[in-house]
Amino acid sequence: MFQAALVATHHNPVLKPFADRLRKAGKPHKVIITAVARKLVTIANALCKSRQSWAAQIT
C-alpha cells in the first residue's frame, strides 16, 4: 500500500490535491502517505462493494 500511495500522491488526479493540501498544512511525509493509503483502501472497498470500476471525477 505504501508504494501505491506514494505513486497516487504524484499522479492520481483525485488524491494528488488531497496530498498537496496535507503537505501545505505542514503534515509529515509519513502521515501524508498513510492518509493517502487509507483513502485508497476506502476507495477500493467501496468499488468492490458496489461492483464498479474506477472513474476519476474531478470537480
Protein backbone atom coordinates (compact mmCIF):
# COMPACT_ATOMS: atom_id res chain seq x y z
CA MET A 1 0.00 0.00 0.00
CA PHE A 2 2.92 2.32 0.69
CA GLN A 3 4.11 2.16 -2.93
CA ALA A 4 0.59 2.63 -4.30
CA ALA A 5 0.03 5.62 -2.01
CA LEU A 6 3.39 7.10 -2.98
CA VAL A 7 2.53 6.90 -6.68
CA ALA A 8 -1.01 8.19 -6.09
CA THR A 9 0.28 11.33 -4.34
CA HIS A 10 2.12 12.26 -7.52
CA HIS A 11 -0.10 11.03 -10.35
CA ASN A 12 -3.71 10.43 -9.25
CA PRO A 13 -5.87 13.46 -10.16
CA VAL A 14 -8.11 12.92 -7.11
CA LEU A 15 -5.54 12.05 -4.46
CA LYS A 16 -2.82 14.49 -5.52
CA PRO A 17 -4.77 17.59 -4.37
CA PHE A 18 -5.57 15.77 -1.10
CA ALA A 19 -1.88 15.08 -0.50
CA ASP A 20 -0.95 18.65 -1.50
CA ARG A 21 -3.47 20.01 0.98
CA LEU A 22 -1.96 17.90 3.77
CA ARG A 23 1.55 18.93 2.72
CA LYS A 24 0.56 22.60 2.78
CA ALA A 25 -0.85 22.08 6.30
CA GLY A 26 2.62 21.02 7.41
CA LYS A 27 1.96 17.31 7.93
CA PRO A 28 4.98 14.96 7.93
CA HIS A 29 5.63 12.80 4.86
CA LYS A 30 4.70 9.51 6.55
CA VAL A 31 1.41 10.96 7.78
CA ILE A 32 0.53 12.07 4.24
CA ILE A 33 1.38 8.67 2.73
CA THR A 34 -0.60 6.88 5.46
CA ALA A 35 -3.64 9.10 4.88
CA VAL A 36 -3.50 8.51 1.13
CA ALA A 37 -3.09 4.74 1.65
CA ARG A 38 -6.10 4.71 3.96
CA LYS A 39 -8.13 6.64 1.40
CA LEU A 40 -7.05 4.15 -1.31
CA VAL A 41 -8.26 1.24 0.83
CA THR A 42 -11.58 3.01 1.40
CA ILE A 43 -12.00 3.68 -2.32
CA ALA A 44 -11.08 0.08 -3.24
CA ASN A 45 -13.50 -1.25 -0.65
CA ALA A 46 -16.34 0.93 -1.95
CA LEU A 47 -15.62 -0.07 -5.55
CA CYS A 48 -15.66 -3.78 -4.68
CA LYS A 49 -18.85 -3.41 -2.67
CA SER A 50 -20.69 -1.57 -5.46
CA ARG A 51 -19.06 -3.69 -8.22
CA GLN A 52 -17.97 -0.61 -10.14
CA SER A 53 -14.70 0.28 -11.81
CA TRP A 54 -12.61 3.34 -11.02
CA ALA A 55 -13.60 6.58 -12.73
CA ALA A 56 -11.88 9.75 -11.53
CA GLN A 57 -14.38 12.54 -11.03
CA ILE A 58 -12.70 15.91 -10.90
CA THR A 59 -14.95 18.73 -9.78
